[in-house]
Amino acid sequence: MRTRFILIGTSHAGNVGAAARAMKVMGYDDLVLVAPRWDDVLTRQEAIDRASGATDVLQRARTVATLDEALDGIEVLCATAMTPRDFGPPTRAPREHLPQVAAAAPQGVAFLFGSERYGMRNEDVWRCHVALSIPTAPGYGSLNIAAAVQLVAYEWRQAMGSYPVQSPAPEALPADAQAVAGLLAHWEQALVAIGFLDPAAPKKLLPRLNALFNRAQPTAEEIHILRGIARAMEQKAKG
């Protein structure tokens, strides 16, 4: 499904770069600027710096004079308007509404963002099928445009099917029962050696330790560490 982010009347090059970065981390690269303040906004150093590696999005982006020129191939228009209108499309939270849009599988979806100072014009909002409003703290809903792009891009990615969380390393598996039994036996010897455990009256100490180790599900490396502690206790007792 084609996904486009349209910035209307943008005045700060840094915001354009930051918006490109916000898009790229969610897997989107179709950016259109409508009548930005600066003709060279996409190549300004501030935009490149704030893109932080998403320069390919800036290079693919295009600048047009009117909103009509930005809508080729788009079927569903979503405004982003924090100020409620007494007339126009329904206002919905992104998390509430976007799964419905994704389920309808339109050919193309565009998210429209207004200028930093004034937001979206009524005439542009009226053209849209929905006005997305990001729930914010009562009394203060001022979002930087790049932050708004990031939130909408994230919610749209969740609605479309999120990326899996990447673990930096494979998760270690819990040690097997034999390793845990060996650990328990080693700790029994060490606790006797330091005088903490009376072998003639062990009570429920060992079963409780066994339950603790089972709940903790230590890995093989953690078993190694715990047995190292037991060896240190034995050496201290001898010393």
C-alpha atoms as a PDB file:
ATOM      1  CA  MET A   1       0.000   0.000   0.000  1.00  0.00           C
ATOM      2  CA  ARG A   2       1.438   3.381  -1.000  1.00  0.00           C
ATOM      3  CA  THR A   3       2.034   5.604   2.041  1.00  0.00           C
ATOM      4  CA  ARG A   4       2.885   9.257   1.615  1.00  0.00           C
ATOM      5  CA  PHE A   5       3.723  11.980   4.110  1.00  0.00           C
ATOM      6  CA  ILE A   6       2.871  15.475   2.917  1.00  0.00           C
ATOM      7  CA  LEU A   7       4.235  18.570   4.668  1.00  0.00           C
ATOM      8  CA  ILE A   8       2.374  21.755   3.744  1.00  0.00           C
ATOM      9  CA  GLY A   9       4.022  25.152   4.047  1.00  0.00           C
ATOM     10  CA  THR A  10       7.015  23.918   6.025  1.00  0.00           C
ATOM     11  CA  SER A  11       9.304  26.737   7.119  1.00  0.00           C
ATOM     12  CA  HIS A  12      12.203  24.998   8.921  1.00  0.00           C
ATOM     13  CA  ALA A  13      14.716  22.835   7.071  1.00  0.00           C
ATOM     14  CA  GLY A  14      15.600  20.996  10.272  1.00  0.00           C
ATOM     15  CA  ASN A  15      12.032  19.826  10.664  1.00  0.00           C
ATOM     16  CA  VAL A  16      12.079  18.403   7.147  1.00  0.00           C
ATOM     17  CA  GLY A  17      15.215  16.410   7.914  1.00  0.00           C
ATOM     18  CA  ALA A  18      13.835  15.197  11.234  1.00  0.00           C
ATOM     19  CA  ALA A  19      10.582  14.174   9.531  1.00  0.00           C
ATOM     20  CA  ALA A  20      12.562  12.171   6.965  1.00  0.00           C
ATOM     21  CA  ARG A  21      14.343  10.392   9.803  1.00  0.00           C
ATOM     22  CA  ALA A  22      11.026   9.683  11.551  1.00  0.00           C
ATOM     23  CA  MET A  23       9.637   8.190   8.359  1.00  0.00           C
ATOM     24  CA  LYS A  24      12.636   6.001   7.593  1.00  0.00           C
ATOM     25  CA  VAL A  25      12.744   4.288  10.974  1.00  0.00           C
ATOM     26  CA  MET A  26       9.163   3.151  10.341  1.00  0.00           C
ATOM     27  CA  GLY A  27       9.951   1.995   6.800  1.00  0.00           C
ATOM     28  CA  TYR A  28       8.479   4.876   4.766  1.00  0.00           C
ATOM     29  CA  ASP A  29      10.226   6.990   2.147  1.00  0.00           C
ATOM     30  CA  ASP A  30       7.537   8.870   0.174  1.00  0.00           C
ATOM     31  CA  LEU A  31       7.809  12.510   1.249  1.00  0.00           C
ATOM     32  CA  VAL A  32       6.245  15.475  -0.568  1.00  0.00           C
ATOM     33  CA  LEU A  33       6.583  19.133   0.393  1.00  0.00           C
ATOM     34  CA  VAL A  34       3.841  21.515  -0.673  1.00  0.00           C
ATOM     35  CA  ALA A  35       4.940  25.135  -1.092  1.00  0.00           C
ATOM     36  CA  PRO A  36       7.743  25.099   1.502  1.00  0.00           C
ATOM     37  CA  ARG A  37       9.191  28.410   2.592  1.00  0.00           C
ATOM     38  CA  TRP A  38      12.546  27.647   0.947  1.00  0.00           C
ATOM     39  CA  ASP A  39      12.939  26.172  -2.535  1.00  0.00           C
ATOM     40  CA  ASP A  40      16.185  24.457  -1.535  1.00  0.00           C
ATOM     41  CA  VAL A  41      14.885  23.090   1.777  1.00  0.00           C
ATOM     42  CA  LEU A  42      15.657  19.473   0.852  1.00  0.00           C
ATOM     43  CA  THR A  43      19.344  20.200   0.280  1.00  0.00           C
ATOM     44  CA  ARG A  44      19.982  22.604   3.141  1.00  0.00           C
ATOM     45  CA  GLN A  45      22.650  21.437   5.559  1.00  0.00           C
ATOM     46  CA  GLU A  46      20.301  21.631   8.520  1.00  0.00           C
ATOM     47  CA  ALA A  47      17.898  19.228   6.812  1.00  0.00           C
ATOM     48  CA  ILE A  48      20.713  16.820   5.985  1.00  0.00           C
ATOM     49  CA  ASP A  49      22.086  16.987   9.532  1.00  0.00           C
ATOM     50  CA  ARG A  50      18.701  16.412  11.180  1.00  0.00           C
ATOM     51  CA  ALA A  51      17.938  13.543   8.794  1.00  0.00           C
ATOM     52  CA  SER A  52      20.741  11.661  10.565  1.00  0.00           C
ATOM     53  CA  GLY A  53      21.349   9.118   7.817  1.00  0.00           C
ATOM     54  CA  ALA A  54      17.915   9.314   6.180  1.00  0.00           C
ATOM     55  CA  THR A  55      19.309  11.370   3.317  1.00  0.00           C
ATOM     56  CA  ASP A  56      17.906   8.857   0.834  1.00  0.00           C
ATOM     57  CA  VAL A  57      14.414   9.954   1.893  1.00  0.00           C
ATOM     58  CA  LEU A  58      15.373  13.579   1.258  1.00  0.00           C
ATOM     59  CA  GLN A  59      16.806  12.664  -2.137  1.00  0.00           C
ATOM     60  CA  ARG A  60      13.596  10.873  -3.142  1.00  0.00           C
ATOM     61  CA  ALA A  61      11.379  13.671  -1.826  1.00  0.00           C
ATOM     62  CA  ARG A  62       9.795  16.180  -4.160  1.00  0.00           C
ATOM     63  CA  THR A  63       8.529  19.725  -3.859  1.00  0.00           C
ATOM     64  CA  VAL A  64       5.273  20.842  -5.477  1.00  0.00           C
ATOM     65  CA  ALA A  65       3.363  24.098  -5.582  1.00  0.00           C
ATOM     66  CA  THR A  66      -0.125  22.844  -4.675  1.00  0.00           C
ATOM     67  CA  LEU A  67      -1.700  20.066  -2.663  1.00  0.00           C
ATOM     68  CA  ASP A  68      -3.387  18.714  -5.792  1.00  0.00           C
ATOM     69  CA  GLU A  69       0.038  17.922  -7.254  1.00  0.00           C
ATOM     70  CA  ALA A  70       0.929  15.868  -4.175  1.00  0.00           C
ATOM     71  CA  LEU A  71      -2.037  13.531  -4.362  1.00  0.00           C
ATOM     72  CA  ASP A  72      -1.342  11.353  -7.391  1.00  0.00           C
ATOM     73  CA  GLY A  73      -2.091   7.718  -6.593  1.00  0.00           C
ATOM     74  CA  ILE A  74      -3.665   8.570  -3.237  1.00  0.00           C
ATOM     75  CA  GLU A  75      -7.098   7.286  -2.276  1.00  0.00           C
ATOM     76  CA  VAL A  76      -7.397   8.158   1.422  1.00  0.00           C
ATOM     77  CA  LEU A  77      -6.410  11.516   2.914  1.00  0.00           C
ATOM     78  CA  CYS A  78      -5.710  11.871   6.633  1.00  0.00           C
ATOM     79  CA  ALA A  79      -5.283  15.347   8.075  1.00  0.00           C
ATOM     80  CA  THR A  80      -3.403  15.900  11.319  1.00  0.00           C
ATOM     81  CA  ALA A  81      -5.210  18.618  13.213  1.00  0.00           C
ATOM     82  CA  MET A  82      -4.868  19.214  16.948  1.00  0.00           C
ATOM     83  CA  THR A  83      -7.497  21.985  16.979  1.00  0.00           C
ATOM     84  CA  PRO A  84     -11.066  20.629  16.677  1.00  0.00           C
ATOM     85  CA  ARG A  85     -13.120  22.019  13.777  1.00  0.00           C
ATOM     86  CA  ASP A  86     -16.846  22.665  13.988  1.00  0.00           C
ATOM     87  CA  PHE A  87     -17.132  21.478  10.407  1.00  0.00           C
ATOM     88  CA  GLY A  88     -15.272  18.896   8.379  1.00  0.00           C
ATOM     89  CA  PRO A  89     -14.238  15.256   8.641  1.00  0.00           C
ATOM     90  CA  PRO A  90     -14.552  13.288  11.886  1.00  0.00           C
ATOM     91  CA  THR A  91     -11.744  13.631  14.390  1.00  0.00           C
ATOM     92  CA  ARG A  92     -10.200  10.350  15.510  1.00  0.00           C
ATOM     93  CA  ALA A  93      -7.163   9.192  17.466  1.00  0.00           C
ATOM     94  CA  PRO A  94      -4.614   7.429  15.214  1.00  0.00           C
ATOM     95  CA  ARG A  95      -4.653   4.198  17.244  1.00  0.00           C
ATOM     96  CA  GLU A  96      -8.428   4.063  17.087  1.00  0.00           C
ATOM     97  CA  HIS A  97      -8.809   4.830  13.396  1.00  0.00           C
ATOM     98  CA  LEU A  98      -5.786   3.607  11.467  1.00  0.00           C
ATOM     99  CA  PRO A  99      -6.473  -0.136  11.801  1.00  0.00           C
ATOM    100  CA  GLN A 100      -9.764   0.492   9.995  1.00  0.00           C
ATOM    101  CA  VAL A 101      -7.931   2.251   7.171  1.00  0.00           C
ATOM    102  CA  ALA A 102      -5.400  -0.576   6.915  1.00  0.00           C
ATOM    103  CA  ALA A 103      -8.185  -3.190   6.847  1.00  0.00           C
ATOM    104  CA  ALA A 104      -9.850  -1.394   3.922  1.00  0.00           C
ATOM    105  CA  ALA A 105      -6.575  -1.727   1.957  1.00  0.00           C
ATOM    106  CA  PRO A 106      -6.806   1.451  -0.151  1.00  0.00           C
ATOM    107  CA  GLN A 107      -4.370   1.941  -3.030  1.00  0.00           C
ATOM    108  CA  GLY A 108      -2.681   4.861  -1.365  1.00  0.00           C
ATOM    109  CA  VAL A 109      -2.844   6.729   1.957  1.00  0.00           C
ATOM    110  CA  ALA A 110      -1.484  10.203   2.605  1.00  0.00           C
ATOM    111  CA  PHE A 111      -0.905  11.901   5.941  1.00  0.00           C
ATOM    112  CA  LEU A 112      -1.017  15.690   5.768  1.00  0.00           C
ATOM    113  CA  PHE A 113       0.805  17.994   8.174  1.00  0.00           C
ATOM    114  CA  GLY A 114       0.423  21.769   8.276  1.00  0.00           C
ATOM    115  CA  SER A 115       2.963  24.516   8.811  1.00  0.00           C
ATOM    116  CA  GLU A 116       4.845  24.854  12.072  1.00  0.00           C
ATOM    117  CA  ARG A 117       3.196  28.150  12.996  1.00  0.00           C
ATOM    118  CA  TYR A 118      -0.383  27.742  11.871  1.00  0.00           C
ATOM    119  CA  GLY A 119      -1.056  24.037  11.449  1.00  0.00           C
ATOM    120  CA  MET A 120      -3.397  22.969   8.674  1.00  0.00           C
ATOM    121  CA  ARG A 121      -5.710  25.332   6.853  1.00  0.00           C
ATOM    122  CA  ASN A 122      -9.425  24.588   7.089  1.00  0.00           C
ATOM    123  CA  GLU A 123      -9.624  24.213   3.316  1.00  0.00           C
ATOM    124  CA  ASP A 124      -7.039  21.418   3.395  1.00  0.00           C
ATOM    125  CA  VAL A 125      -8.630  19.670   6.368  1.00  0.00           C
ATOM    126  CA  TRP A 126     -12.033  19.711   4.652  1.00  0.00           C
ATOM    127  CA  ARG A 127     -10.588  17.728   1.753  1.00  0.00           C
ATOM    128  CA  CYS A 128      -9.609  14.855   4.029  1.00  0.00           C
ATOM    129  CA  HIS A 129     -11.529  11.759   5.071  1.00  0.00           C
ATOM    130  CA  VAL A 130     -10.455  12.044   8.721  1.00  0.00           C
ATOM    131  CA  ALA A 131      -8.651  14.434  11.024  1.00  0.00           C
ATOM    132  CA  LEU A 132      -6.173  12.537  13.164  1.00  0.00           C
ATOM    133  CA  SER A 133      -5.652  14.052  16.593  1.00  0.00           C
ATOM    134  CA  ILE A 134      -2.851  12.733  18.792  1.00  0.00           C
ATOM    135  CA  PRO A 135      -4.091  12.483  22.408  1.00  0.00           C
ATOM    136  CA  THR A 136      -2.012  14.869  24.523  1.00  0.00           C
ATOM    137  CA  ALA A 137      -2.132  16.331  28.009  1.00  0.00           C
ATOM    138  CA  PRO A 138      -5.139  18.629  28.515  1.00  0.00           C
ATOM    139  CA  GLY A 139      -4.236  22.243  27.962  1.00  0.00           C
ATOM    140  CA  TYR A 140      -1.058  21.650  25.974  1.00  0.00           C
ATOM    141  CA  GLY A 141      -1.135  19.885  22.636  1.00  0.00           C
ATOM    142  CA  SER A 142       1.757  21.609  20.873  1.00  0.00           C
ATOM    143  CA  LEU A 143       3.787  19.003  19.002  1.00  0.00           C
ATOM    144  CA  ASN A 144       6.842  19.608  16.873  1.00  0.00           C
ATOM    145  CA  ILE A 145       6.000  18.571  13.319  1.00  0.00           C
ATOM    146  CA  ALA A 146       8.694  15.886  13.216  1.00  0.00           C
ATOM    147  CA  ALA A 147       7.401  14.461  16.516  1.00  0.00           C
ATOM    148  CA  ALA A 148       3.898  14.353  15.034  1.00  0.00           C
ATOM    149  CA  VAL A 149       5.243  12.588  11.931  1.00  0.00           C
ATOM    150  CA  GLN A 150       6.993  10.039  14.153  1.00  0.00           C
ATOM    151  CA  LEU A 151       3.859   9.281  16.163  1.00  0.00           C
ATOM    152  CA  VAL A 152       1.616   8.935  13.120  1.00  0.00           C
ATOM    153  CA  ALA A 153       4.228   6.843  11.273  1.00  0.00           C
ATOM    154  CA  TYR A 154       4.529   4.565  14.302  1.00  0.00           C
ATOM    155  CA  GLU A 155       0.770   4.091  14.672  1.00  0.00           C
ATOM    156  CA  TRP A 156       0.405   3.444  10.943  1.00  0.00           C
ATOM    157  CA  ARG A 157       3.203   0.862  11.069  1.00  0.00           C
ATOM    158  CA  GLN A 158       1.444  -0.861  13.977  1.00  0.00           C
ATOM    159  CA  ALA A 159      -1.812  -0.901  12.015  1.00  0.00           C
ATOM    160  CA  MET A 160      -0.055  -2.266   8.921  1.00  0.00           C
ATOM    161  CA  GLY A 161       1.950  -4.876  10.819  1.00  0.00           C
ATOM    162  CA  SER A 162       4.803  -3.933  13.104  1.00  0.00           C
ATOM    163  CA  TYR A 163       8.428  -4.918  12.764  1.00  0.00           C
ATOM    164  CA  PRO A 164       9.723  -7.538  15.215  1.00  0.00           C
ATOM    165  CA  VAL A 165      11.831  -6.282  18.086  1.00  0.00           C
ATOM    166  CA  GLN A 166      15.483  -6.961  17.299  1.00  0.00           C
ATOM    167  CA  SER A 167      17.405  -8.516  20.174  1.00  0.00           C
ATOM    168  CA  PRO A 168      21.131  -7.624  20.167  1.00  0.00           C
ATOM    169  CA  ALA A 169      21.991 -11.207  21.069  1.00  0.00           C
ATOM    170  CA  PRO A 170      20.120 -14.504  21.126  1.00  0.00           C
ATOM    171  CA  GLU A 171      18.475 -15.186  24.448  1.00  0.00           C
ATOM    172  CA  ALA A 172      20.330 -17.763  26.550  1.00  0.00           C
ATOM    173  CA  LEU A 173      18.352 -20.872  27.410  1.00  0.00           C
ATOM    174  CA  PRO A 174      17.865 -21.940  31.040  1.00  0.00           C
ATOM    175  CA  ALA A 175      20.317 -24.559  32.305  1.00  0.00           C
ATOM    176  CA  ASP A 176      18.997 -28.113  32.438  1.00  0.00           C
ATOM    177  CA  ALA A 177      17.839 -29.887  35.606  1.00  0.00           C
ATOM    178  CA  GLN A 178      21.130 -31.753  35.992  1.00  0.00           C
ATOM    179  CA  ALA A 179      23.088 -28.483  36.099  1.00  0.00           C
ATOM    180  CA  VAL A 180      20.701 -27.037  38.693  1.00  0.00           C
ATOM    181  CA  ALA A 181      21.029 -30.205  40.806  1.00  0.00           C
ATOM    182  CA  GLY A 182      24.833 -29.903  40.637  1.00  0.00           C
ATOM    183  CA  LEU A 183      24.586 -26.260  41.715  1.00  0.00           C
ATOM    184  CA  LEU A 184      22.375 -27.162  44.658  1.00  0.00           C
ATOM    185  CA  ALA A 185      24.786 -29.898  45.798  1.00  0.00           C
ATOM    186  CA  HIS A 186      27.735 -27.504  45.532  1.00  0.00           C
ATOM    187  CA  TRP A 187      25.925 -24.815  47.537  1.00  0.00           C
ATOM    188  CA  GLU A 188      25.042 -27.379  50.190  1.00  0.00           C
ATOM    189  CA  GLN A 189      28.754 -28.175  50.637  1.00  0.00           C
ATOM    190  CA  ALA A 190      29.701 -24.495  50.722  1.00  0.00           C
ATOM    191  CA  LEU A 191      26.996 -23.548  53.229  1.00  0.00           C
ATOM    192  CA  VAL A 192      28.085 -26.381  55.493  1.00  0.00           C
ATOM    193  CA  ALA A 193      31.693 -25.240  55.164  1.00  0.00           C
ATOM    194  CA  ILE A 194      30.927 -21.680  56.324  1.00  0.00           C
ATOM    195  CA  GLY A 195      28.670 -22.870  59.117  1.00  0.00           C
ATOM    196  CA  PHE A 196      25.421 -21.538  57.663  1.00  0.00           C
ATOM    197  CA  LEU A 197      23.877 -24.994  57.206  1.00  0.00           C
ATOM    198  CA  ASP A 198      23.805 -27.655  59.902  1.00  0.00           C
ATOM    199  CA  PRO A 199      23.765 -30.981  58.028  1.00  0.00           C
ATOM    200  CA  ALA A 200      22.192 -32.653  61.067  1.00  0.00           C
ATOM    201  CA  ALA A 201      19.225 -30.247  60.988  1.00  0.00           C
ATOM    202  CA  PRO A 202      18.905 -28.867  57.454  1.00  0.00           C
ATOM    203  CA  LYS A 203      15.184 -28.128  57.883  1.00  0.00           C
ATOM    204  CA  LYS A 204      13.785 -26.782  54.583  1.00  0.00           C
ATOM    205  CA  LEU A 205      16.758 -24.717  53.461  1.00  0.00           C
ATOM    206  CA  LEU A 206      17.760 -26.925  50.528  1.00  0.00           C
ATOM    207  CA  PRO A 207      14.214 -27.399  49.155  1.00  0.00           C
ATOM    208  CA  ARG A 208      13.709 -23.644  49.377  1.00  0.00           C
ATOM    209  CA  LEU A 209      16.979 -23.002  47.523  1.00  0.00           C
ATOM    210  CA  ASN A 210      15.943 -25.564  44.935  1.00  0.00           C
ATOM    211  CA  ALA A 211      12.619 -23.736  44.444  1.00  0.00           C
ATOM    212  CA  LEU A 212      14.480 -20.426  44.183  1.00  0.00           C
ATOM    213  CA  PHE A 213      16.846 -21.761  41.494  1.00  0.00           C
ATOM    214  CA  ASN A 214      13.912 -23.243  39.557  1.00  0.00           C
ATOM    215  CA  ARG A 215      12.027 -19.938  39.620  1.00  0.00           C
ATOM    216  CA  ALA A 216      15.109 -18.003  38.560  1.00  0.00           C
ATOM    217  CA  GLN A 217      15.799 -20.385  35.650  1.00  0.00           C
ATOM    218  CA  PRO A 218      19.543 -19.578  35.601  1.00  0.00           C
ATOM    219  CA  THR A 219      21.457 -19.992  32.373  1.00  0.00           C
ATOM    220  CA  ALA A 220      24.574 -22.139  32.085  1.00  0.00           C
ATOM    221  CA  GLU A 221      26.730 -19.018  32.491  1.00  0.00           C
ATOM    222  CA  GLU A 222      24.822 -17.984  35.617  1.00  0.00           C
ATOM    223  CA  ILE A 223      25.221 -21.508  37.038  1.00  0.00           C
ATOM    224  CA  HIS A 224      28.955 -21.105  36.483  1.00  0.00           C
ATOM    225  CA  ILE A 225      28.951 -17.814  38.412  1.00  0.00           C
ATOM    226  CA  LEU A 226      26.960 -19.258  41.311  1.00  0.00           C
ATOM    227  CA  ARG A 227      29.259 -22.259  41.559  1.00  0.00           C
ATOM    228  CA  GLY A 228      32.207 -19.861  41.545  1.00  0.00           C
ATOM    229  CA  ILE A 229      30.668 -18.139  44.568  1.00  0.00           C
ATOM    230  CA  ALA A 230      30.299 -21.528  46.273  1.00  0.00           C
ATOM    231  CA  ARG A 231      33.988 -22.310  45.622  1.00  0.00           C
ATOM    232  CA  ALA A 232      34.977 -18.951  47.088  1.00  0.00           C
ATOM    233  CA  MET A 233      32.949 -19.703  50.223  1.00  0.00           C
ATOM    234  CA  GLU A 234      34.679 -23.090  50.599  1.00  0.00           C
ATOM    235  CA  GLN A 235      38.124 -21.517  50.162  1.00  0.00           C
ATOM    236  CA  LYS A 236      37.266 -18.814  52.707  1.00  0.00           C
ATOM    237  CA  ALA A 237      36.161 -21.472  55.194  1.00  0.00           C
ATOM    238  CA  LYS A 238      39.466 -23.350  54.773  1.00  0.00           C
ATOM    239  CA  GLY A 239      41.560 -20.243  54.973  1.00  0.00           C
END
